[in-house]
Amino acid sequence: MPDRYLRGRTAPLVLSIGLPWRDQSPRWKQVGEPYPGRFMHHLELYDPAEVDDEVRTWLRQAWEAAA
């Protein structure tokens, strides 16, 4: 439940991406391991411009890991 990590602020969008590794980027609001070897990364987005090349790379990696 990412909303409990917002500390009183609200984000227009919280993007959650599952990866088989913990990404070390400081952009993540929260990273959890709901079960061994699966990491859920939560990213707050306040502006469409924040969906940059780095975010697109994470989405591609998540897509490839899910296949």
PDB file of N, CA and C in Angstrom:
ATOM      1  N   MET A   1       0.835  -1.171   0.000  1.00  0.00           N
ATOM      2  CA  MET A   1       0.000   0.000   0.000  1.00  0.00           C
ATOM      3  C   MET A   1       0.887   1.244   0.000  1.00  0.00           C
ATOM      4  N   PRO A   2       1.289   1.689  -1.179  1.00  0.00           N
ATOM      5  CA  PRO A   2       2.226   2.817  -1.275  1.00  0.00           C
ATOM      6  C   PRO A   2       1.745   4.091  -0.613  1.00  0.00           C
ATOM      7  N   ASP A   3       0.427   4.295  -0.475  1.00  0.00           N
ATOM      8  CA  ASP A   3      -0.057   5.557   0.094  1.00  0.00           C
ATOM      9  C   ASP A   3       0.437   5.791   1.509  1.00  0.00           C
ATOM     10  N   ARG A   4       0.753   4.763   2.234  1.00  0.00           N
ATOM     11  CA  ARG A   4       1.224   4.955   3.607  1.00  0.00           C
ATOM     12  C   ARG A   4       2.649   5.511   3.665  1.00  0.00           C
ATOM     13  N   TYR A   5       3.342   5.547   2.519  1.00  0.00           N
ATOM     14  CA  TYR A   5       4.703   6.062   2.467  1.00  0.00           C
ATOM     15  C   TYR A   5       4.775   7.499   1.956  1.00  0.00           C
ATOM     16  N   LEU A   6       3.632   8.101   1.651  1.00  0.00           N
ATOM     17  CA  LEU A   6       3.637   9.431   1.058  1.00  0.00           C
ATOM     18  C   LEU A   6       3.896  10.542   2.064  1.00  0.00           C
ATOM     19  N   ARG A   7       3.828  10.247   3.341  1.00  0.00           N
ATOM     20  CA  ARG A   7       4.116  11.225   4.402  1.00  0.00           C
ATOM     21  C   ARG A   7       3.298  12.500   4.247  1.00  0.00           C
ATOM     22  N   GLY A   8       1.993  12.344   4.061  1.00  0.00           N
ATOM     23  CA  GLY A   8       1.117  13.501   3.999  1.00  0.00           C
ATOM     24  C   GLY A   8       1.010  14.142   2.639  1.00  0.00           C
ATOM     25  N   ARG A   9       1.869  13.775   1.713  1.00  0.00           N
ATOM     26  CA  ARG A   9       1.807  14.323   0.355  1.00  0.00           C
ATOM     27  C   ARG A   9       1.087  13.326  -0.528  1.00  0.00           C
ATOM     28  N   THR A  10       0.525  13.814  -1.585  1.00  0.00           N
ATOM     29  CA  THR A  10      -0.094  12.908  -2.543  1.00  0.00           C
ATOM     30  C   THR A  10       0.584  13.071  -3.891  1.00  0.00           C
ATOM     31  N   ALA A  11       0.742  11.981  -4.573  1.00  0.00           N
ATOM     32  CA  ALA A  11       1.314  11.981  -5.912  1.00  0.00           C
ATOM     33  C   ALA A  11       0.204  11.680  -6.900  1.00  0.00           C
ATOM     34  N   PRO A  12       0.225  12.307  -8.056  1.00  0.00           N
ATOM     35  CA  PRO A  12      -0.784  11.990  -9.055  1.00  0.00           C
ATOM     36  C   PRO A  12      -0.742  10.518  -9.467  1.00  0.00           C
ATOM     37  N   LEU A  13       0.452   9.915  -9.414  1.00  0.00           N
ATOM     38  CA  LEU A  13       0.593   8.531  -9.832  1.00  0.00           C
ATOM     39  C   LEU A  13       1.713   7.864  -9.042  1.00  0.00           C
ATOM     40  N   VAL A  14       1.444   6.654  -8.550  1.00  0.00           N
ATOM     41  CA  VAL A  14       2.495   5.823  -7.961  1.00  0.00           C
ATOM     42  C   VAL A  14       2.648   4.638  -8.893  1.00  0.00           C
ATOM     43  N   LEU A  15       3.806   4.567  -9.537  1.00  0.00           N
ATOM     44  CA  LEU A  15       4.112   3.492 -10.473  1.00  0.00           C
ATOM     45  C   LEU A  15       4.827   2.384  -9.712  1.00  0.00           C
ATOM     46  N   SER A  16       4.295   1.169  -9.793  1.00  0.00           N
ATOM     47  CA  SER A  16       4.897   0.008  -9.132  1.00  0.00           C
ATOM     48  C   SER A  16       5.427  -0.928 -10.203  1.00  0.00           C
ATOM     49  N   ILE A  17       6.703  -1.274 -10.077  1.00  0.00           N
ATOM     50  CA  ILE A  17       7.388  -2.105 -11.064  1.00  0.00           C
ATOM     51  C   ILE A  17       8.019  -3.290 -10.351  1.00  0.00           C
ATOM     52  N   GLY A  18       7.728  -4.497 -10.827  1.00  0.00           N
ATOM     53  CA  GLY A  18       8.320  -5.708 -10.274  1.00  0.00           C
ATOM     54  C   GLY A  18       9.551  -6.119 -11.063  1.00  0.00           C
ATOM     55  N   LEU A  19      10.643  -6.354 -10.360  1.00  0.00           N
ATOM     56  CA  LEU A  19      11.894  -6.796 -10.979  1.00  0.00           C
ATOM     57  C   LEU A  19      12.469  -7.955 -10.169  1.00  0.00           C
ATOM     58  N   PRO A  20      13.263  -8.820 -10.791  1.00  0.00           N
ATOM     59  CA  PRO A  20      13.875  -9.926 -10.052  1.00  0.00           C
ATOM     60  C   PRO A  20      15.149  -9.521  -9.313  1.00  0.00           C
ATOM     61  N   TRP A  21      15.392  -8.226  -9.173  1.00  0.00           N
ATOM     62  CA  TRP A  21      16.532  -7.701  -8.419  1.00  0.00           C
ATOM     63  C   TRP A  21      16.123  -6.377  -7.788  1.00  0.00           C
ATOM     64  N   ARG A  22      16.866  -5.970  -6.769  1.00  0.00           N
ATOM     65  CA  ARG A  22      16.623  -4.671  -6.120  1.00  0.00           C
ATOM     66  C   ARG A  22      17.439  -3.611  -6.851  1.00  0.00           C
ATOM     67  N   ASP A  23      16.743  -2.697  -7.507  1.00  0.00           N
ATOM     68  CA  ASP A  23      17.418  -1.601  -8.198  1.00  0.00           C
ATOM     69  C   ASP A  23      17.834  -0.568  -7.154  1.00  0.00           C
ATOM     70  N   GLN A  24      19.050  -0.052  -7.273  1.00  0.00           N
ATOM     71  CA  GLN A  24      19.604   0.838  -6.255  1.00  0.00           C
ATOM     72  C   GLN A  24      19.367   2.332  -6.511  1.00  0.00           C
ATOM     73  N   SER A  25      18.568   2.666  -7.500  1.00  0.00           N
ATOM     74  CA  SER A  25      18.328   4.081  -7.804  1.00  0.00           C
ATOM     75  C   SER A  25      17.701   4.793  -6.603  1.00  0.00           C
ATOM     76  N   PRO A  26      18.163   6.007  -6.321  1.00  0.00           N
ATOM     77  CA  PRO A  26      17.567   6.780  -5.230  1.00  0.00           C
ATOM     78  C   PRO A  26      16.187   7.346  -5.580  1.00  0.00           C
ATOM     79  N   ARG A  27      15.752   7.163  -6.810  1.00  0.00           N
ATOM     80  CA  ARG A  27      14.442   7.674  -7.215  1.00  0.00           C
ATOM     81  C   ARG A  27      13.287   6.892  -6.606  1.00  0.00           C
ATOM     82  N   TRP A  28      13.516   5.653  -6.223  1.00  0.00           N
ATOM     83  CA  TRP A  28      12.432   4.833  -5.681  1.00  0.00           C
ATOM     84  C   TRP A  28      11.967   5.375  -4.340  1.00  0.00           C
ATOM     85  N   LYS A  29      10.678   5.455  -4.172  1.00  0.00           N
ATOM     86  CA  LYS A  29      10.106   5.868  -2.890  1.00  0.00           C
ATOM     87  C   LYS A  29      10.221   4.726  -1.882  1.00  0.00           C
ATOM     88  N   GLN A  30       9.992   3.515  -2.373  1.00  0.00           N
ATOM     89  CA  GLN A  30      10.044   2.343  -1.500  1.00  0.00           C
ATOM     90  C   GLN A  30      10.302   1.117  -2.355  1.00  0.00           C
ATOM     91  N   VAL A  31      11.090   0.179  -1.830  1.00  0.00           N
ATOM     92  CA  VAL A  31      11.336  -1.099  -2.489  1.00  0.00           C
ATOM     93  C   VAL A  31      11.085  -2.183  -1.462  1.00  0.00           C
ATOM     94  N   GLY A  32      10.281  -3.158  -1.837  1.00  0.00           N
ATOM     95  CA  GLY A  32       9.992  -4.271  -0.935  1.00  0.00           C
ATOM     96  C   GLY A  32      10.228  -5.599  -1.647  1.00  0.00           C
ATOM     97  N   GLU A  33      10.395  -6.635  -0.863  1.00  0.00           N
ATOM     98  CA  GLU A  33      10.571  -7.987  -1.408  1.00  0.00           C
ATOM     99  C   GLU A  33       9.413  -8.843  -0.893  1.00  0.00           C
ATOM    100  N   PRO A  34       8.267  -8.841  -1.613  1.00  0.00           N
ATOM    101  CA  PRO A  34       7.098  -9.561  -1.120  1.00  0.00           C
ATOM    102  C   PRO A  34       7.296 -11.071  -1.028  1.00  0.00           C
ATOM    103  N   TYR A  35       8.183 -11.606  -1.850  1.00  0.00           N
ATOM    104  CA  TYR A  35       8.610 -12.991  -1.714  1.00  0.00           C
ATOM    105  C   TYR A  35      10.008 -13.105  -2.308  1.00  0.00           C
ATOM    106  N   PRO A  36      10.752 -14.134  -1.932  1.00  0.00           N
ATOM    107  CA  PRO A  36      12.166 -14.215  -2.303  1.00  0.00           C
ATOM    108  C   PRO A  36      12.402 -14.061  -3.810  1.00  0.00           C
ATOM    109  N   GLY A  37      13.307 -13.161  -4.136  1.00  0.00           N
ATOM    110  CA  GLY A  37      13.704 -12.974  -5.516  1.00  0.00           C
ATOM    111  C   GLY A  37      12.767 -12.106  -6.341  1.00  0.00           C
ATOM    112  N   ARG A  38      11.769 -11.472  -5.707  1.00  0.00           N
ATOM    113  CA  ARG A  38      10.855 -10.590  -6.432  1.00  0.00           C
ATOM    114  C   ARG A  38      10.764  -9.270  -5.675  1.00  0.00           C
ATOM    115  N   PHE A  39      11.207  -8.204  -6.308  1.00  0.00           N
ATOM    116  CA  PHE A  39      11.269  -6.895  -5.665  1.00  0.00           C
ATOM    117  C   PHE A  39      10.262  -5.958  -6.312  1.00  0.00           C
ATOM    118  N   MET A  40       9.418  -5.356  -5.495  1.00  0.00           N
ATOM    119  CA  MET A  40       8.461  -4.358  -5.970  1.00  0.00           C
ATOM    120  C   MET A  40       9.030  -2.978  -5.673  1.00  0.00           C
ATOM    121  N   HIS A  41       9.156  -2.180  -6.716  1.00  0.00           N
ATOM    122  CA  HIS A  41       9.721  -0.835  -6.646  1.00  0.00           C
ATOM    123  C   HIS A  41       8.590   0.167  -6.853  1.00  0.00           C
ATOM    124  N   HIS A  42       8.476   1.159  -5.983  1.00  0.00           N
ATOM    125  CA  HIS A  42       7.403   2.144  -6.051  1.00  0.00           C
ATOM    126  C   HIS A  42       8.000   3.529  -6.314  1.00  0.00           C
ATOM    127  N   LEU A  43       7.500   4.177  -7.353  1.00  0.00           N
ATOM    128  CA  LEU A  43       8.013   5.461  -7.801  1.00  0.00           C
ATOM    129  C   LEU A  43       6.866   6.461  -7.864  1.00  0.00           C
ATOM    130  N   GLU A  44       7.016   7.585  -7.202  1.00  0.00           N
ATOM    131  CA  GLU A  44       6.022   8.650  -7.273  1.00  0.00           C
ATOM    132  C   GLU A  44       6.307   9.504  -8.496  1.00  0.00           C
ATOM    133  N   LEU A  45       5.276   9.778  -9.278  1.00  0.00           N
ATOM    134  CA  LEU A  45       5.401  10.619 -10.460  1.00  0.00           C
ATOM    135  C   LEU A  45       4.475  11.817 -10.303  1.00  0.00           C
ATOM    136  N   TYR A  46       5.048  12.994 -10.411  1.00  0.00           N
ATOM    137  CA  TYR A  46       4.290  14.235 -10.261  1.00  0.00           C
ATOM    138  C   TYR A  46       4.086  14.959 -11.590  1.00  0.00           C
ATOM    139  N   ASP A  47       4.841  14.560 -12.609  1.00  0.00           N
ATOM    140  CA  ASP A  47       4.798  15.266 -13.886  1.00  0.00           C
ATOM    141  C   ASP A  47       5.082  14.249 -14.994  1.00  0.00           C
ATOM    142  N   PRO A  48       4.397  14.332 -16.115  1.00  0.00           N
ATOM    143  CA  PRO A  48       4.653  13.388 -17.209  1.00  0.00           C
ATOM    144  C   PRO A  48       6.116  13.361 -17.664  1.00  0.00           C
ATOM    145  N   ALA A  49       6.822  14.470 -17.514  1.00  0.00           N
ATOM    146  CA  ALA A  49       8.230  14.519 -17.924  1.00  0.00           C
ATOM    147  C   ALA A  49       9.106  13.592 -17.080  1.00  0.00           C
ATOM    148  N   GLU A  50       8.612  13.164 -15.923  1.00  0.00           N
ATOM    149  CA  GLU A  50       9.384  12.242 -15.078  1.00  0.00           C
ATOM    150  C   GLU A  50       9.454  10.839 -15.670  1.00  0.00           C
ATOM    151  N   VAL A  51       8.611  10.537 -16.648  1.00  0.00           N
ATOM    152  CA  VAL A  51       8.702   9.253 -17.346  1.00  0.00           C
ATOM    153  C   VAL A  51       9.769   9.427 -18.426  1.00  0.00           C
ATOM    154  N   ASP A  52      11.007   9.297 -17.974  1.00  0.00           N
ATOM    155  CA  ASP A  52      12.170   9.533 -18.818  1.00  0.00           C
ATOM    156  C   ASP A  52      12.763   8.205 -19.284  1.00  0.00           C
ATOM    157  N   ASP A  53      13.945   8.274 -19.870  1.00  0.00           N
ATOM    158  CA  ASP A  53      14.597   7.058 -20.380  1.00  0.00           C
ATOM    159  C   ASP A  53      14.841   6.040 -19.278  1.00  0.00           C
ATOM    160  N   GLU A  54      15.180   6.496 -18.083  1.00  0.00           N
ATOM    161  CA  GLU A  54      15.425   5.565 -16.980  1.00  0.00           C
ATOM    162  C   GLU A  54      14.150   4.802 -16.637  1.00  0.00           C
ATOM    163  N   VAL A  55      13.028   5.488 -16.538  1.00  0.00           N
ATOM    164  CA  VAL A  55      11.751   4.833 -16.219  1.00  0.00           C
ATOM    165  C   VAL A  55      11.354   3.884 -17.351  1.00  0.00           C
ATOM    166  N   ARG A  56      11.528   4.314 -18.585  1.00  0.00           N
ATOM    167  CA  ARG A  56      11.206   3.433 -19.719  1.00  0.00           C
ATOM    168  C   ARG A  56      12.082   2.178 -19.707  1.00  0.00           C
ATOM    169  N   THR A  57      13.340   2.318 -19.298  1.00  0.00           N
ATOM    170  CA  THR A  57      14.224   1.149 -19.193  1.00  0.00           C
ATOM    171  C   THR A  57      13.709   0.191 -18.128  1.00  0.00           C
ATOM    172  N   TRP A  58      13.295   0.719 -16.971  1.00  0.00           N
ATOM    173  CA  TRP A  58      12.751  -0.155 -15.913  1.00  0.00           C
ATOM    174  C   TRP A  58      11.503  -0.883 -16.394  1.00  0.00           C
ATOM    175  N   LEU A  59      10.632  -0.180 -17.122  1.00  0.00           N
ATOM    176  CA  LEU A  59       9.423  -0.820 -17.643  1.00  0.00           C
ATOM    177  C   LEU A  59       9.769  -1.926 -18.628  1.00  0.00           C
ATOM    178  N   ARG A  60      10.745  -1.671 -19.499  1.00  0.00           N
ATOM    179  CA  ARG A  60      11.174  -2.698 -20.455  1.00  0.00           C
ATOM    180  C   ARG A  60      11.765  -3.902 -19.723  1.00  0.00           C
ATOM    181  N   GLN A  61      12.607  -3.642 -18.713  1.00  0.00           N
ATOM    182  CA  GLN A  61      13.216  -4.734 -17.949  1.00  0.00           C
ATOM    183  C   GLN A  61      12.153  -5.561 -17.232  1.00  0.00           C
ATOM    184  N   ALA A  62      11.156  -4.905 -16.685  1.00  0.00           N
ATOM    185  CA  ALA A  62      10.077  -5.615 -15.987  1.00  0.00           C
ATOM    186  C   ALA A  62       9.292  -6.476 -16.982  1.00  0.00           C
ATOM    187  N   TRP A  63       9.026  -5.918 -18.155  1.00  0.00           N
ATOM    188  CA  TRP A  63       8.307  -6.660 -19.202  1.00  0.00           C
ATOM    189  C   TRP A  63       9.108  -7.901 -19.597  1.00  0.00           C
ATOM    190  N   GLU A  64      10.400  -7.728 -19.835  1.00  0.00           N
ATOM    191  CA  GLU A  64      11.245  -8.851 -20.238  1.00  0.00           C
ATOM    192  C   GLU A  64      11.368  -9.895 -19.139  1.00  0.00           C
ATOM    193  N   ALA A  65      11.442  -9.455 -17.887  1.00  0.00           N
ATOM    194  CA  ALA A  65      11.560 -10.391 -16.760  1.00  0.00           C
ATOM    195  C   ALA A  65      10.278 -11.189 -16.551  1.00  0.00           C
ATOM    196  N   ALA A  66       9.148 -10.602 -16.950  1.00  0.00           N
ATOM    197  CA  ALA A  66       7.860 -11.281 -16.764  1.00  0.00           C
ATOM    198  C   ALA A  66       7.589 -12.307 -17.852  1.00  0.00           C
ATOM    199  N   ALA A  67       8.332 -12.227 -18.965  1.00  0.00           N
ATOM    200  CA  ALA A  67       8.084 -13.131 -20.100  1.00  0.00           C
ATOM    201  C   ALA A  67       8.612 -14.523 -19.845  1.00  0.00           C
TER     202      ALA A  67
END
